[in-house]
Amino acid sequence: MKTLVNHIAKAALAGGALLVAAGAHAAGGLDLNLGPDAVQFEAAGEITHGIALGGGVIHSDYREDATIYHAQLLGVQRNRERDVGIGARWTQFDTDYGNGGGLGLGGYGYVYLPQAPAVSLGGYGFYTPGVVTSGDLDDGYEVGVRARYAFTPNVDGYVGLRQAAADFDNRHGNRTLDRGAQVGVRLSF
């Protein structure tokens, strides 16, 4: 538990630094979700209109101890119909199976339902290929789907499913590091 608190504290400090770097005038957000075996914290802020810088951490005890850090730079577009972002992400794996990191690509996309404008459905995915990895990591990915509900203009609650996995170039090979349902809250400002 103490390790988990340390990971969340580090992520919160990194997120705060990202938001300060992004500037007080830019849009930003904080996201926290919990699952049966995992906790995830993310922070992001627009550094200029349409470009968001963010980072986060997942700590999972799905099978063994795994912590996955990421930092990303995305092109984003938000309006009343959709919320999308596409770009690059550095992912760092610190697990009982192996350690390493790499540069990947991916994004997210959500559409708002015209009949229920407070509801949005969508998902995200990021893939790190073996050509741009270091350490024990051969390749890795994180994918998820979510259904979000806007309680207020600045607070969304959501439920979703997530899977994160990595292939290590050691005796452990391909391992699912986190899989399961999650419930979360996202604050926008």
C-alpha atoms as a PDB file:
ATOM      1  CA  MET A   1       0.000   0.000   0.000  1.00  0.00           C
ATOM      2  CA  LYS A   2       2.866   2.352   0.826  1.00  0.00           C
ATOM      3  CA  THR A   3       4.339   1.780  -2.673  1.00  0.00           C
ATOM      4  CA  LEU A   4       0.966   2.580  -4.241  1.00  0.00           C
ATOM      5  CA  VAL A   5       0.728   5.851  -2.301  1.00  0.00           C
ATOM      6  CA  ASN A   6       4.271   6.746  -3.432  1.00  0.00           C
ATOM      7  CA  HIS A   7       3.353   6.121  -7.090  1.00  0.00           C
ATOM      8  CA  ILE A   8       0.210   8.253  -6.821  1.00  0.00           C
ATOM      9  CA  ALA A   9       2.123  11.038  -5.055  1.00  0.00           C
ATOM     10  CA  LYS A  10       4.778  11.042  -7.796  1.00  0.00           C
ATOM     11  CA  ALA A  11       2.098  11.115 -10.483  1.00  0.00           C
ATOM     12  CA  ALA A  12       0.254  13.963  -8.749  1.00  0.00           C
ATOM     13  CA  LEU A  13       3.467  16.009  -8.530  1.00  0.00           C
ATOM     14  CA  ALA A  14       4.271  15.317 -12.183  1.00  0.00           C
ATOM     15  CA  GLY A  15       0.717  16.225 -13.170  1.00  0.00           C
ATOM     16  CA  GLY A  16       0.897  19.462 -11.216  1.00  0.00           C
ATOM     17  CA  ALA A  17       4.176  20.350 -12.912  1.00  0.00           C
ATOM     18  CA  LEU A  18       2.628  19.620 -16.324  1.00  0.00           C
ATOM     19  CA  LEU A  19      -0.334  21.856 -15.583  1.00  0.00           C
ATOM     20  CA  VAL A  20       1.890  24.696 -14.363  1.00  0.00           C
ATOM     21  CA  ALA A  21       4.015  24.333 -17.506  1.00  0.00           C
ATOM     22  CA  ALA A  22       0.870  24.418 -19.651  1.00  0.00           C
ATOM     23  CA  GLY A  23      -0.130  27.748 -18.118  1.00  0.00           C
ATOM     24  CA  ALA A  24      -3.170  28.829 -16.178  1.00  0.00           C
ATOM     25  CA  HIS A  25      -5.052  30.046 -19.264  1.00  0.00           C
ATOM     26  CA  ALA A  26      -5.079  26.700 -21.098  1.00  0.00           C
ATOM     27  CA  ALA A  27      -7.623  23.901 -20.763  1.00  0.00           C
ATOM     28  CA  GLY A  28      -6.589  20.996 -18.567  1.00  0.00           C
ATOM     29  CA  GLY A  29      -7.841  18.031 -16.673  1.00  0.00           C
ATOM     30  CA  LEU A  30      -7.235  15.527 -13.913  1.00  0.00           C
ATOM     31  CA  ASP A  31      -8.430  11.920 -14.098  1.00  0.00           C
ATOM     32  CA  LEU A  32      -8.557   9.220 -11.422  1.00  0.00           C
ATOM     33  CA  ASN A  33      -9.949   5.723 -11.852  1.00  0.00           C
ATOM     34  CA  LEU A  34     -10.065   2.591  -9.739  1.00  0.00           C
ATOM     35  CA  GLY A  35     -10.547  -1.064 -10.592  1.00  0.00           C
ATOM     36  CA  PRO A  36     -10.473  -4.318  -8.658  1.00  0.00           C
ATOM     37  CA  ASP A  37      -6.694  -4.614  -9.086  1.00  0.00           C
ATOM     38  CA  ALA A  38      -5.522  -1.185 -10.250  1.00  0.00           C
ATOM     39  CA  VAL A  39      -5.495   2.563  -9.790  1.00  0.00           C
ATOM     40  CA  GLN A  40      -4.721   5.127 -12.492  1.00  0.00           C
ATOM     41  CA  PHE A  41      -4.034   8.858 -12.252  1.00  0.00           C
ATOM     42  CA  GLU A  42      -3.594  11.182 -15.249  1.00  0.00           C
ATOM     43  CA  ALA A  43      -3.096  14.915 -15.727  1.00  0.00           C
ATOM     44  CA  ALA A  44      -3.118  16.880 -18.975  1.00  0.00           C
ATOM     45  CA  GLY A  45      -3.110  20.472 -20.125  1.00  0.00           C
ATOM     46  CA  GLU A  46      -3.193  22.274 -23.436  1.00  0.00           C
ATOM     47  CA  ILE A  47       0.141  23.993 -24.048  1.00  0.00           C
ATOM     48  CA  THR A  48      -1.432  25.871 -26.955  1.00  0.00           C
ATOM     49  CA  HIS A  49      -4.802  25.636 -28.667  1.00  0.00           C
ATOM     50  CA  GLY A  50      -5.199  22.081 -29.989  1.00  0.00           C
ATOM     51  CA  ILE A  51      -1.958  20.646 -28.503  1.00  0.00           C
ATOM     52  CA  ALA A  52      -2.118  18.823 -25.154  1.00  0.00           C
ATOM     53  CA  LEU A  53       0.732  17.600 -22.959  1.00  0.00           C
ATOM     54  CA  GLY A  54      -0.084  14.966 -20.372  1.00  0.00           C
ATOM     55  CA  GLY A  55       1.131  12.115 -18.260  1.00  0.00           C
ATOM     56  CA  GLY A  56      -0.017   9.454 -15.891  1.00  0.00           C
ATOM     57  CA  VAL A  57       0.603   6.244 -14.007  1.00  0.00           C
ATOM     58  CA  ILE A  58      -1.193   2.919 -13.609  1.00  0.00           C
ATOM     59  CA  HIS A  59      -0.346   0.717 -10.649  1.00  0.00           C
ATOM     60  CA  SER A  60      -1.750  -2.797 -11.005  1.00  0.00           C
ATOM     61  CA  ASP A  61      -1.639  -5.997  -8.981  1.00  0.00           C
ATOM     62  CA  TYR A  62      -3.567  -7.898 -11.681  1.00  0.00           C
ATOM     63  CA  ARG A  63      -1.198 -10.881 -11.660  1.00  0.00           C
ATOM     64  CA  GLU A  64       2.036  -9.474 -10.340  1.00  0.00           C
ATOM     65  CA  ASP A  65       3.189  -5.991  -9.372  1.00  0.00           C
ATOM     66  CA  ALA A  66       3.277  -3.625 -12.375  1.00  0.00           C
ATOM     67  CA  THR A  67       3.588   0.139 -12.663  1.00  0.00           C
ATOM     68  CA  ILE A  68       3.197   1.785 -16.048  1.00  0.00           C
ATOM     69  CA  TYR A  69       4.137   5.451 -16.499  1.00  0.00           C
ATOM     70  CA  HIS A  70       3.435   7.528 -19.579  1.00  0.00           C
ATOM     71  CA  ALA A  71       3.953  11.013 -21.002  1.00  0.00           C
ATOM     72  CA  GLN A  72       2.192  12.086 -24.185  1.00  0.00           C
ATOM     73  CA  LEU A  73       1.863  14.914 -26.668  1.00  0.00           C
ATOM     74  CA  LEU A  74      -1.420  14.924 -28.584  1.00  0.00           C
ATOM     75  CA  GLY A  75      -3.256  17.009 -31.126  1.00  0.00           C
ATOM     76  CA  VAL A  76      -6.762  17.437 -29.668  1.00  0.00           C
ATOM     77  CA  GLN A  77     -10.160  18.690 -30.761  1.00  0.00           C
ATOM     78  CA  ARG A  78     -13.160  19.123 -28.478  1.00  0.00           C
ATOM     79  CA  ASN A  79     -16.631  20.295 -29.373  1.00  0.00           C
ATOM     80  CA  ARG A  80     -20.240  19.392 -28.584  1.00  0.00           C
ATOM     81  CA  GLU A  81     -20.169  16.422 -30.980  1.00  0.00           C
ATOM     82  CA  ARG A  82     -16.789  14.788 -30.258  1.00  0.00           C
ATOM     83  CA  ASP A  83     -13.622  14.750 -28.175  1.00  0.00           C
ATOM     84  CA  VAL A  84     -10.584  13.327 -30.027  1.00  0.00           C
ATOM     85  CA  GLY A  85      -6.809  13.277 -29.661  1.00  0.00           C
ATOM     86  CA  ILE A  86      -4.022  11.666 -31.691  1.00  0.00           C
ATOM     87  CA  GLY A  87      -0.287  11.690 -31.080  1.00  0.00           C
ATOM     88  CA  ALA A  88       2.803  10.182 -29.494  1.00  0.00           C
ATOM     89  CA  ARG A  89       3.285   8.584 -26.085  1.00  0.00           C
ATOM     90  CA  TRP A  90       6.369   7.448 -24.184  1.00  0.00           C
ATOM     91  CA  THR A  91       5.461   4.472 -21.981  1.00  0.00           C
ATOM     92  CA  GLN A  92       7.734   3.140 -19.242  1.00  0.00           C
ATOM     93  CA  PHE A  93       7.057  -0.312 -17.752  1.00  0.00           C
ATOM     94  CA  ASP A  94       8.326  -1.179 -14.251  1.00  0.00           C
ATOM     95  CA  THR A  95       7.107  -4.723 -13.572  1.00  0.00           C
ATOM     96  CA  ASP A  96       8.016  -7.995 -11.899  1.00  0.00           C
ATOM     97  CA  TYR A  97       8.345  -9.452 -15.422  1.00  0.00           C
ATOM     98  CA  GLY A  98      10.726  -6.857 -16.841  1.00  0.00           C
ATOM     99  CA  ASN A  99      11.469  -3.160 -17.195  1.00  0.00           C
ATOM    100  CA  GLY A 100      11.771  -0.904 -20.200  1.00  0.00           C
ATOM    101  CA  GLY A 101      10.139   1.819 -22.202  1.00  0.00           C
ATOM    102  CA  GLY A 102       9.383   2.975 -25.675  1.00  0.00           C
ATOM    103  CA  LEU A 103       7.803   5.533 -27.968  1.00  0.00           C
ATOM    104  CA  GLY A 104       4.404   4.699 -29.382  1.00  0.00           C
ATOM    105  CA  LEU A 105       1.456   6.164 -31.226  1.00  0.00           C
ATOM    106  CA  GLY A 106      -2.247   6.211 -30.550  1.00  0.00           C
ATOM    107  CA  GLY A 107      -5.109   8.326 -29.398  1.00  0.00           C
ATOM    108  CA  TYR A 108      -8.615   8.548 -28.046  1.00  0.00           C
ATOM    109  CA  GLY A 109     -12.039   9.342 -29.409  1.00  0.00           C
ATOM    110  CA  TYR A 110     -15.454   9.953 -27.852  1.00  0.00           C
ATOM    111  CA  VAL A 111     -18.762  10.919 -29.432  1.00  0.00           C
ATOM    112  CA  TYR A 112     -21.583  12.658 -27.587  1.00  0.00           C
ATOM    113  CA  LEU A 113     -25.021  11.156 -28.066  1.00  0.00           C
ATOM    114  CA  PRO A 114     -27.424  13.663 -29.700  1.00  0.00           C
ATOM    115  CA  GLN A 115     -30.381  12.274 -27.708  1.00  0.00           C
ATOM    116  CA  ALA A 116     -28.421  12.503 -24.428  1.00  0.00           C
ATOM    117  CA  PRO A 117     -25.751  15.233 -24.782  1.00  0.00           C
ATOM    118  CA  ALA A 118     -24.319  14.563 -21.305  1.00  0.00           C
ATOM    119  CA  VAL A 119     -23.366  11.019 -22.376  1.00  0.00           C
ATOM    120  CA  SER A 120     -20.296  10.184 -24.464  1.00  0.00           C
ATOM    121  CA  LEU A 121     -19.037   6.804 -25.655  1.00  0.00           C
ATOM    122  CA  GLY A 122     -15.600   5.917 -26.936  1.00  0.00           C
ATOM    123  CA  GLY A 123     -12.198   4.593 -26.143  1.00  0.00           C
ATOM    124  CA  TYR A 124      -8.462   4.864 -26.520  1.00  0.00           C
ATOM    125  CA  GLY A 125      -5.476   2.855 -27.625  1.00  0.00           C
ATOM    126  CA  PHE A 126      -1.698   3.269 -27.675  1.00  0.00           C
ATOM    127  CA  TYR A 127       0.821   0.841 -29.182  1.00  0.00           C
ATOM    128  CA  THR A 128       4.593   0.816 -28.647  1.00  0.00           C
ATOM    129  CA  PRO A 129       6.387  -1.197 -31.360  1.00  0.00           C
ATOM    130  CA  GLY A 130       9.660  -3.038 -30.783  1.00  0.00           C
ATOM    131  CA  VAL A 131      11.641  -0.770 -33.102  1.00  0.00           C
ATOM    132  CA  VAL A 132      11.610   2.119 -30.558  1.00  0.00           C
ATOM    133  CA  THR A 133      11.967   0.367 -27.189  1.00  0.00           C
ATOM    134  CA  SER A 134      14.643   0.038 -24.526  1.00  0.00           C
ATOM    135  CA  GLY A 135      15.425  -2.342 -21.694  1.00  0.00           C
ATOM    136  CA  ASP A 136      13.518  -5.634 -21.543  1.00  0.00           C
ATOM    137  CA  LEU A 137      10.527  -4.263 -23.482  1.00  0.00           C
ATOM    138  CA  ASP A 138       9.912  -5.703 -26.936  1.00  0.00           C
ATOM    139  CA  ASP A 139       6.490  -4.084 -27.473  1.00  0.00           C
ATOM    140  CA  GLY A 140       3.449  -3.047 -25.467  1.00  0.00           C
ATOM    141  CA  TYR A 141      -0.025  -1.596 -25.591  1.00  0.00           C
ATOM    142  CA  GLU A 142      -2.878  -0.131 -23.574  1.00  0.00           C
ATOM    143  CA  VAL A 143      -6.484  -0.109 -24.825  1.00  0.00           C
ATOM    144  CA  GLY A 144      -9.769   0.792 -23.219  1.00  0.00           C
ATOM    145  CA  VAL A 145     -13.423   1.674 -23.741  1.00  0.00           C
ATOM    146  CA  ARG A 146     -15.508   4.034 -21.622  1.00  0.00           C
ATOM    147  CA  ALA A 147     -19.007   5.387 -21.189  1.00  0.00           C
ATOM    148  CA  ARG A 148     -18.886   8.901 -19.684  1.00  0.00           C
ATOM    149  CA  TYR A 149     -21.586  11.038 -18.099  1.00  0.00           C
ATOM    150  CA  ALA A 150     -21.157  14.788 -17.538  1.00  0.00           C
ATOM    151  CA  PHE A 151     -22.536  15.541 -14.071  1.00  0.00           C
ATOM    152  CA  THR A 152     -21.556  19.202 -14.486  1.00  0.00           C
ATOM    153  CA  PRO A 153     -19.711  21.051 -17.271  1.00  0.00           C
ATOM    154  CA  ASN A 154     -16.431  20.340 -15.418  1.00  0.00           C
ATOM    155  CA  VAL A 155     -16.994  16.872 -13.901  1.00  0.00           C
ATOM    156  CA  ASP A 156     -17.425  13.587 -15.787  1.00  0.00           C
ATOM    157  CA  GLY A 157     -17.936  10.212 -14.213  1.00  0.00           C
ATOM    158  CA  TYR A 158     -17.324   7.063 -16.219  1.00  0.00           C
ATOM    159  CA  VAL A 159     -17.224   3.289 -16.294  1.00  0.00           C
ATOM    160  CA  GLY A 160     -14.981   1.324 -18.590  1.00  0.00           C
ATOM    161  CA  LEU A 161     -12.775  -1.620 -19.400  1.00  0.00           C
ATOM    162  CA  ARG A 162      -8.987  -1.528 -19.814  1.00  0.00           C
ATOM    163  CA  GLN A 163      -6.236  -3.926 -20.854  1.00  0.00           C
ATOM    164  CA  ALA A 164      -2.511  -3.239 -20.723  1.00  0.00           C
ATOM    165  CA  ALA A 165       0.100  -5.753 -21.847  1.00  0.00           C
ATOM    166  CA  ALA A 166       3.769  -5.965 -22.751  1.00  0.00           C
ATOM    167  CA  ASP A 167       6.035  -8.440 -24.481  1.00  0.00           C
ATOM    168  CA  PHE A 168       9.410  -8.705 -22.756  1.00  0.00           C
ATOM    169  CA  ASP A 169      12.486 -10.045 -24.534  1.00  0.00           C
ATOM    170  CA  ASN A 170      13.399 -12.242 -21.585  1.00  0.00           C
ATOM    171  CA  ARG A 171      12.089 -15.536 -20.223  1.00  0.00           C
ATOM    172  CA  HIS A 172       8.720 -13.968 -19.301  1.00  0.00           C
ATOM    173  CA  GLY A 173       7.601 -13.102 -22.844  1.00  0.00           C
ATOM    174  CA  ASN A 174       4.116 -11.650 -23.400  1.00  0.00           C
ATOM    175  CA  ARG A 175       2.261 -10.668 -20.206  1.00  0.00           C
ATOM    176  CA  THR A 176      -1.079  -9.028 -19.500  1.00  0.00           C
ATOM    177  CA  LEU A 177      -0.283  -6.444 -16.815  1.00  0.00           C
ATOM    178  CA  ASP A 178      -3.794  -5.116 -16.177  1.00  0.00           C
ATOM    179  CA  ARG A 179      -7.257  -6.156 -17.314  1.00  0.00           C
ATOM    180  CA  GLY A 180     -10.656  -5.332 -15.963  1.00  0.00           C
ATOM    181  CA  ALA A 181     -13.416  -2.888 -15.225  1.00  0.00           C
ATOM    182  CA  GLN A 182     -12.852   0.582 -13.829  1.00  0.00           C
ATOM    183  CA  VAL A 183     -14.853   3.467 -12.457  1.00  0.00           C
ATOM    184  CA  GLY A 184     -13.483   6.980 -12.547  1.00  0.00           C
ATOM    185  CA  VAL A 185     -13.922  10.718 -12.388  1.00  0.00           C
ATOM    186  CA  ARG A 186     -12.445  13.372 -14.670  1.00  0.00           C
ATOM    187  CA  LEU A 187     -12.185  17.056 -13.726  1.00  0.00           C
ATOM    188  CA  SER A 188     -11.830  19.620 -16.523  1.00  0.00           C
ATOM    189  CA  PHE A 189     -10.810  23.259 -16.123  1.00  0.00           C
END
